[in-house]
Amino acid sequence: MLTHIFNKIDNNDPLSRDDIKFMLSLETEADIQSLYQKAYSIKEQTVGTKVFFRGIVEFSNICEKDCYYCGIRKSNENAERFMLTADQIVESALWAHQSEYGSIVLQSGERSDPWYIDLIEEVLERVKAETSGELGITLSLGEQSENTYKRWFKAGGHRYLLRIETTNPELYGKLHPPDHSFEERCECLKLLRKLGYQVGTGVMIGLPYQTIDDLAGDILFFKDNDIDMIGMGPYIVHHETPLADVMPDFDNDRQLDLGLKMVAVARIVLRDVNIAATTALQALNPTGREMGLKAGANIIMPNITETKYRASYQLYNGKPCLDENSTMCRGCLQRRIDSIGEKIGFNEWGDSPHFIKKSNCKKTTGA
């Protein structure tokens, strides 16, 4: 069966949902390694073996949302809340630029009050001005209005990561309070596409109640919605959340294996999108991010938040690199990436080839 699927891939034949489920269900070490090798060969052909950095600034853990799996959900009274100033956020961005990172990610808990919206706009304008437009900027700031997305795009944000966490509406309902809307999340992805952003999304892998069919559906959702970049990782329990007691048999190895298979199958099906080797992989295995790159990922998001705030931004237990400063992180990652024979695209945005092809096609056709 796997040989048959690989033949379909080599012939550029479309893969069925059952094909995707079969690859995600592989169990023998030989078959899984074959999957990773196939994914890596497609990565080499479509996006190359250069790794692009997205220095992530986690600038606030204040959140309006109350997701049942998240350590910074608004009902977690034990979370020590913080909010960096505009100057602090810009300082981190300038450090990334001086350290040859091609891009940053600005990430925080979700909120949409006017003061916050204005702050992000100010930060974007300052970063663009102070780096002469050389630093790429991805935003990961949740659900917003169309007008807010427009303002931030005009100010300098050009990529947006809005993880949907699961594309099964019924499962989404089990992970969120009733006032959290799956439909609204999907609508935001459409708005981002309409406004010209490179659009990213992603899911948690190995959730309670989740099936292999759900995960196959996630990959098909990415394809059907023409997603440009994927940020997904294994679900890891946070002990101060309602979902913590639902998964007493949490298995690190199972979560890691499933996470890596999702990276590989996403690369095989989506081909030329950007895929992140997320920090959650490293939380499960010290070399998890390198394993993610070997399974088909091509993006790394090093944490460049001021060290003293990192422990307060824990979405899950066991988040790595909490006690490293940004310079230590950069050196460590460079050694890790060198160790697997790949190179870092310093001073490069590393935009999604999938997005670039679409943009070039529109220019050619006048669309």
Protein backbone atom coordinates (compact mmCIF):
# COMPACT_ATOMS: atom_id res chain seq x y z
CA MET A 1 0.00 0.00 0.00
CA LEU A 2 2.77 2.48 0.88
CA THR A 3 4.56 1.72 -2.39
CA HIS A 4 1.31 2.36 -4.24
CA ILE A 5 0.90 5.73 -2.50
CA PHE A 6 4.51 6.68 -3.24
CA ASN A 7 3.92 5.82 -6.91
CA LYS A 8 0.93 8.16 -6.91
CA ILE A 9 3.09 10.87 -5.40
CA ASP A 10 5.83 10.35 -8.01
CA ASN A 11 3.23 10.55 -10.79
CA ASN A 12 1.66 13.70 -9.28
CA ASP A 13 -1.64 11.87 -8.86
CA PRO A 14 -3.98 13.28 -6.19
CA LEU A 15 -3.96 11.53 -2.84
CA SER A 16 -7.23 10.44 -1.26
CA ARG A 17 -8.26 10.94 2.34
CA ASP A 18 -7.65 7.21 2.85
CA ASP A 19 -4.11 7.60 1.48
CA ILE A 20 -3.44 10.36 3.98
CA LYS A 21 -4.90 8.33 6.85
CA PHE A 22 -2.76 5.34 5.87
CA MET A 23 0.44 7.39 5.99
CA LEU A 24 -0.51 8.90 9.34
CA SER A 25 -1.19 5.40 10.70
CA LEU A 26 2.17 3.86 9.80
CA GLU A 27 3.65 1.91 12.71
CA THR A 28 6.82 0.08 11.67
CA GLU A 29 10.08 1.97 11.96
CA ALA A 30 11.02 1.09 8.37
CA ASP A 31 7.77 2.48 6.96
CA ILE A 32 7.96 5.63 9.07
CA GLN A 33 11.54 6.30 7.97
CA SER A 34 10.47 5.77 4.35
CA LEU A 35 7.75 8.37 4.90
CA TYR A 36 10.24 10.87 6.29
CA GLN A 37 12.63 10.25 3.40
CA LYS A 38 9.86 10.78 0.84
CA ALA A 39 8.81 14.00 2.57
CA TYR A 40 12.41 15.23 2.71
CA SER A 41 12.94 14.56 -0.98
CA ILE A 42 9.83 16.65 -1.76
CA LYS A 43 11.12 19.36 0.56
CA GLU A 44 14.42 19.41 -1.35
CA GLN A 45 12.57 19.75 -4.67
CA THR A 46 10.04 22.39 -3.63
CA VAL A 47 11.45 24.61 -0.87
CA GLY A 48 15.09 23.53 -0.62
CA THR A 49 17.12 22.74 2.49
CA LYS A 50 17.67 26.26 3.75
CA VAL A 51 16.12 26.91 7.16
CA PHE A 52 14.55 30.29 7.80
CA PHE A 53 14.39 31.87 11.24
CA ARG A 54 11.34 33.62 12.63
CA GLY A 55 12.48 35.18 15.89
CA ILE A 56 9.41 35.02 18.09
CA VAL A 57 8.58 37.82 20.54
CA GLU A 58 5.95 36.62 23.03
CA PHE A 59 5.17 40.08 24.29
CA SER A 60 2.07 39.51 26.44
CA ASN A 61 0.17 36.65 28.07
CA ILE A 62 -3.00 38.70 28.67
CA CYS A 63 -5.78 36.91 26.82
CA GLU A 64 -9.51 37.34 26.24
CA LYS A 65 -9.92 33.68 25.27
CA ASP A 66 -10.56 30.80 27.64
CA CYS A 67 -9.47 27.77 25.61
CA TYR A 68 -9.58 24.58 27.67
CA TYR A 69 -6.04 23.47 26.72
CA CYS A 70 -4.05 26.69 27.15
CA GLY A 71 -1.92 27.74 30.11
CA ILE A 72 -2.55 31.47 29.56
CA ARG A 73 -6.36 31.16 29.27
CA LYS A 74 -8.08 34.07 30.99
CA SER A 75 -9.47 31.89 33.80
CA ASN A 76 -6.03 30.70 34.92
CA GLU A 77 -5.62 32.80 38.06
CA ASN A 78 -2.13 31.40 38.65
CA ALA A 79 -0.71 32.93 35.47
CA GLU A 80 1.51 35.92 36.21
CA ARG A 81 0.34 38.38 33.58
CA PHE A 82 2.71 40.69 31.72
CA MET A 83 2.69 43.14 28.83
CA LEU A 84 5.84 44.50 27.24
CA THR A 85 6.01 48.14 26.23
CA ALA A 86 6.28 49.23 22.61
CA ASP A 87 9.94 50.10 23.27
CA GLN A 88 10.67 46.61 24.60
CA ILE A 89 9.00 44.91 21.63
CA VAL A 90 10.85 47.11 19.14
CA GLU A 91 14.13 46.47 20.98
CA SER A 92 13.67 42.70 20.53
CA ALA A 93 12.88 43.19 16.85
CA LEU A 94 16.01 45.28 16.36
CA TRP A 95 18.09 42.61 18.11
CA ALA A 96 16.74 40.07 15.60
CA HIS A 97 17.62 42.36 12.69
CA GLN A 98 21.15 42.95 14.01
CA SER A 99 21.55 39.21 14.54
CA GLU A 100 20.73 38.51 10.87
CA TYR A 101 17.32 36.97 11.47
CA GLY A 102 15.33 37.60 8.33
CA SER A 103 11.98 37.77 10.13
CA ILE A 104 10.22 37.98 13.46
CA VAL A 105 6.88 36.78 14.80
CA LEU A 106 4.93 39.05 17.13
CA GLN A 107 2.75 36.84 19.32
CA SER A 108 0.58 37.40 22.36
CA GLY A 109 -2.61 36.32 24.01
CA GLU A 110 -5.70 37.32 22.04
CA ARG A 111 -7.25 40.73 22.64
CA SER A 112 -8.89 43.37 20.47
CA ASP A 113 -9.25 46.55 22.54
CA PRO A 114 -8.39 49.88 20.85
CA TRP A 115 -5.28 50.52 22.97
CA TYR A 116 -3.81 47.14 21.97
CA ILE A 117 -4.64 47.61 18.28
CA ASP A 118 -2.97 51.03 18.30
CA LEU A 119 0.10 49.62 20.05
CA ILE A 120 0.61 46.92 17.43
CA GLU A 121 0.25 49.47 14.65
CA GLU A 122 2.86 51.70 16.31
CA VAL A 123 5.28 48.79 16.79
CA LEU A 124 4.93 47.71 13.16
CA GLU A 125 5.56 51.21 11.84
CA ARG A 126 8.59 51.66 14.08
CA VAL A 127 10.12 48.30 13.21
CA LYS A 128 9.67 48.92 9.50
CA ALA A 129 11.21 52.40 9.78
CA GLU A 130 14.12 51.40 12.01
CA THR A 131 15.10 48.38 9.90
CA SER A 132 14.53 50.17 6.56
CA GLY A 133 11.88 47.58 5.75
CA GLU A 134 14.45 44.78 5.84
CA LEU A 135 12.91 42.71 8.64
CA GLY A 136 10.01 40.45 7.70
CA ILE A 137 7.10 40.46 10.16
CA THR A 138 4.63 37.69 10.91
CA LEU A 139 1.75 38.45 13.25
CA SER A 140 0.13 35.82 15.47
CA LEU A 141 -2.44 37.89 17.32
CA GLY A 142 -5.69 36.00 16.96
CA GLU A 143 -9.12 36.96 15.71
CA GLN A 144 -9.53 40.60 14.75
CA SER A 145 -11.87 42.74 12.65
CA GLU A 146 -11.25 43.32 8.97
CA ASN A 147 -10.35 46.94 9.69
CA THR A 148 -7.73 45.90 12.26
CA TYR A 149 -6.17 43.42 9.84
CA LYS A 150 -6.08 46.20 7.21
CA ARG A 151 -4.37 48.64 9.57
CA TRP A 152 -1.73 46.13 10.59
CA PHE A 153 -1.09 45.08 6.99
CA LYS A 154 -0.63 48.71 5.94
CA ALA A 155 1.70 49.28 8.91
CA GLY A 156 4.02 46.45 7.86
CA GLY A 157 2.70 43.02 8.85
CA HIS A 158 2.75 40.80 5.77
CA ARG A 159 2.31 37.28 7.18
CA TYR A 160 -0.33 36.18 9.67
CA LEU A 161 -0.48 32.92 11.64
CA LEU A 162 -3.94 32.09 12.99
CA ARG A 163 -3.97 28.53 14.27
CA ILE A 164 -7.34 26.86 14.17
CA GLU A 165 -6.20 23.94 16.43
CA THR A 166 -8.65 21.50 14.83
CA THR A 167 -10.75 21.68 11.67
CA ASN A 168 -13.43 19.35 13.06
CA PRO A 169 -16.18 21.71 14.35
CA GLU A 170 -17.42 19.13 16.86
CA LEU A 171 -13.96 18.63 18.32
CA TYR A 172 -13.42 22.40 18.30
CA GLY A 173 -16.48 22.68 20.53
CA LYS A 174 -14.96 20.26 23.05
CA LEU A 175 -11.78 22.35 23.27
CA HIS A 176 -13.39 25.77 23.71
CA PRO A 177 -16.17 27.49 25.67
CA PRO A 178 -19.51 28.00 23.86
CA ASP A 179 -18.71 31.64 23.02
CA HIS A 180 -15.66 30.64 20.93
CA SER A 181 -16.74 30.28 17.30
CA PHE A 182 -15.20 27.86 14.81
CA GLU A 183 -16.98 29.70 12.00
CA GLU A 184 -15.52 33.04 13.07
CA ARG A 185 -12.04 31.55 13.13
CA CYS A 186 -12.49 30.29 9.57
CA GLU A 187 -13.88 33.65 8.48
CA CYS A 188 -10.77 35.39 9.80
CA LEU A 189 -8.60 33.15 7.63
CA LYS A 190 -10.64 34.22 4.61
CA LEU A 191 -10.28 37.89 5.54
CA LEU A 192 -6.52 37.55 5.83
CA ARG A 193 -6.34 35.96 2.39
CA LYS A 194 -8.52 38.72 0.89
CA LEU A 195 -6.35 41.47 2.37
CA GLY A 196 -3.13 40.10 0.89
CA TYR A 197 -1.42 38.44 3.85
CA GLN A 198 0.53 35.24 3.52
CA VAL A 199 -1.86 33.09 5.52
CA GLY A 200 -0.74 30.55 8.08
CA THR A 201 -2.68 28.22 10.30
CA GLY A 202 -2.16 24.98 12.15
CA VAL A 203 -3.53 22.42 14.56
CA MET A 204 -2.65 20.53 17.69
CA ILE A 205 -1.76 16.91 17.09
CA GLY A 206 -2.72 14.07 19.42
CA LEU A 207 -5.55 15.88 21.20
CA PRO A 208 -8.02 14.09 23.43
CA TYR A 209 -11.02 12.94 21.37
CA GLN A 210 -9.04 13.41 18.13
CA THR A 211 -8.91 10.67 15.48
CA ILE A 212 -6.63 9.96 12.54
CA ASP A 213 -9.55 10.92 10.31
CA ASP A 214 -9.60 14.33 12.02
CA LEU A 215 -5.91 14.81 11.27
CA ALA A 216 -6.37 13.80 7.65
CA GLY A 217 -9.19 16.33 7.51
CA ASP A 218 -6.84 18.99 8.89
CA ILE A 219 -4.38 18.46 6.05
CA LEU A 220 -7.17 18.56 3.47
CA PHE A 221 -8.43 21.78 5.08
CA PHE A 222 -5.00 23.34 4.60
CA LYS A 223 -5.06 22.31 0.95
CA ASP A 224 -8.66 23.33 0.25
CA ASN A 225 -8.11 26.74 1.88
CA ASP A 226 -4.89 27.41 -0.03
CA ILE A 227 -2.86 27.93 3.15
CA ASP A 228 0.67 29.31 2.65
CA MET A 229 2.35 28.32 5.90
CA ILE A 230 1.73 25.76 8.62
CA GLY A 231 2.55 26.04 12.32
CA MET A 232 1.39 22.88 14.08
CA GLY A 233 2.73 20.75 16.87
CA PRO A 234 1.95 17.94 19.27
CA TYR A 235 -0.58 18.63 21.99
CA ILE A 236 1.15 18.84 25.38
CA VAL A 237 -0.78 19.06 28.63
CA HIS A 238 -0.76 22.16 30.81
CA HIS A 239 -1.62 21.11 34.35
CA GLU A 240 -3.72 24.22 35.08
CA THR A 241 -6.30 23.64 32.35
CA PRO A 242 -9.64 21.79 32.18
CA LEU A 243 -8.25 19.43 29.55
CA ALA A 244 -5.41 18.26 31.80
CA ASP A 245 -7.47 15.48 33.42
CA VAL A 246 -8.86 14.18 30.12
CA MET A 247 -5.59 12.60 29.01
CA PRO A 248 -4.13 10.66 31.96
CA ASP A 249 -2.25 8.29 29.62
CA PHE A 250 -0.21 11.04 27.96
CA ASP A 251 2.64 9.41 26.01
CA ASN A 252 5.56 11.61 24.94
CA ASP A 253 6.81 9.18 22.30
CA ARG A 254 3.39 8.74 20.74
CA GLN A 255 2.83 12.49 20.57
CA LEU A 256 6.24 13.08 19.01
CA ASP A 257 5.79 10.33 16.41
CA LEU A 258 2.36 11.60 15.44
CA GLY A 259 3.63 15.19 15.25
CA LEU A 260 6.49 14.20 12.95
CA LYS A 261 4.20 12.13 10.73
CA MET A 262 1.89 15.13 10.37
CA VAL A 263 4.83 17.29 9.29
CA ALA A 264 5.87 14.67 6.73
CA VAL A 265 2.40 14.09 5.31
CA ALA A 266 1.70 17.84 5.19
CA ARG A 267 4.91 18.29 3.17
CA ILE A 268 3.92 15.47 0.82
CA VAL A 269 0.39 16.78 0.24
CA LEU A 270 1.02 20.55 0.34
CA ARG A 271 4.49 20.46 -1.21
CA ASP A 272 5.66 24.09 -1.46
CA VAL A 273 4.23 25.68 1.70
CA ASN A 274 6.35 26.78 4.66
CA ILE A 275 6.16 24.34 7.59
CA ALA A 276 7.55 25.12 11.04
CA ALA A 277 9.46 22.69 13.22
CA THR A 278 7.73 23.90 16.38
CA THR A 279 9.05 24.23 19.90
CA ALA A 280 6.58 21.59 21.08
CA LEU A 281 8.61 18.96 19.20
CA GLN A 282 11.69 19.92 21.24
CA ALA A 283 9.63 19.81 24.43
CA LEU A 284 9.08 16.09 23.76
CA ASN A 285 12.62 15.31 22.61
CA PRO A 286 15.81 17.40 22.92
CA THR A 287 16.38 17.02 19.16
CA GLY A 288 12.72 17.30 18.21
CA ARG A 289 13.12 20.38 16.03
CA GLU A 290 15.93 18.78 14.05
CA MET A 291 13.71 15.73 13.62
CA GLY A 292 11.00 18.04 12.34
CA LEU A 293 13.36 19.50 9.74
CA LYS A 294 14.35 16.01 8.60
CA ALA A 295 10.66 15.11 8.31
CA GLY A 296 9.97 18.02 5.97
CA ALA A 297 9.79 21.28 7.95
CA ASN A 298 11.79 24.33 6.83
CA ILE A 299 11.05 27.05 9.41
CA ILE A 300 12.38 27.51 12.95
CA MET A 301 10.97 30.04 15.42
CA PRO A 302 13.65 30.81 18.03
CA ASN A 303 12.40 32.57 21.15
CA ILE A 304 13.84 36.09 21.39
CA THR A 305 11.60 37.28 24.23
CA GLU A 306 13.40 38.79 27.21
CA THR A 307 14.36 35.81 29.37
CA LYS A 308 12.65 37.07 32.54
CA TYR A 309 9.22 36.91 30.87
CA ARG A 310 9.48 33.49 29.25
CA ALA A 311 8.31 31.43 32.21
CA SER A 312 5.05 33.42 32.23
CA TYR A 313 4.26 32.50 28.61
CA GLN A 314 3.75 28.76 28.93
CA LEU A 315 0.92 27.39 26.85
CA TYR A 316 1.90 23.85 27.92
CA ASN A 317 4.11 22.09 30.46
CA GLY A 318 7.83 21.64 29.83
CA LYS A 319 8.40 24.43 27.32
CA PRO A 320 12.15 24.46 26.47
CA CYS A 321 14.66 27.35 26.39
CA LEU A 322 13.07 29.28 29.26
CA ASP A 323 16.43 30.10 30.82
CA GLU A 324 18.42 30.86 27.67
CA ASN A 325 18.97 34.39 26.45
CA SER A 326 18.48 35.18 22.75
CA THR A 327 22.17 35.04 21.91
CA MET A 328 22.51 31.57 23.46
CA CYS A 329 19.44 30.45 21.50
CA ARG A 330 20.90 31.65 18.20
CA GLY A 331 24.21 29.87 18.67
CA CYS A 332 22.55 26.66 19.85
CA LEU A 333 20.20 26.55 16.87
CA GLN A 334 22.96 27.23 14.39
CA ARG A 335 24.93 24.26 15.74
CA ARG A 336 21.84 22.06 15.65
CA ILE A 337 21.03 22.94 12.05
CA ASP A 338 24.64 22.53 10.95
CA SER A 339 24.55 19.05 12.52
CA ILE A 340 21.89 17.83 10.05
CA GLY A 341 23.61 19.32 7.00
CA GLU A 342 21.27 22.26 6.44
CA LYS A 343 22.01 25.97 6.32
CA ILE A 344 20.27 29.00 7.78
CA GLY A 345 18.91 31.68 5.47
CA PHE A 346 20.31 34.64 7.40
CA ASN A 347 18.94 38.06 6.42
CA GLU A 348 16.27 36.42 4.24
CA TRP A 349 12.51 36.65 4.69
CA GLY A 350 12.01 33.10 3.44
CA ASP A 351 8.52 33.79 2.16
CA SER A 352 6.32 30.83 1.29
CA PRO A 353 7.11 29.57 -2.24
CA HIS A 354 3.43 28.64 -2.46
CA PHE A 355 2.46 32.28 -1.90
CA ILE A 356 5.12 33.60 -4.27
CA LYS A 357 3.92 31.35 -7.10
CA LYS A 358 0.34 32.55 -6.63
CA SER A 359 1.47 36.18 -6.59
CA ASN A 360 3.52 35.75 -9.76
CA CYS A 361 0.60 34.00 -11.46
CA LYS A 362 -1.70 36.93 -10.62
CA LYS A 363 0.81 39.40 -12.03
CA THR A 364 1.17 37.37 -15.22
CA THR A 365 -2.57 36.95 -15.77
CA GLY A 366 -3.47 40.41 -14.53
CA ALA A 367 -5.78 38.93 -11.91
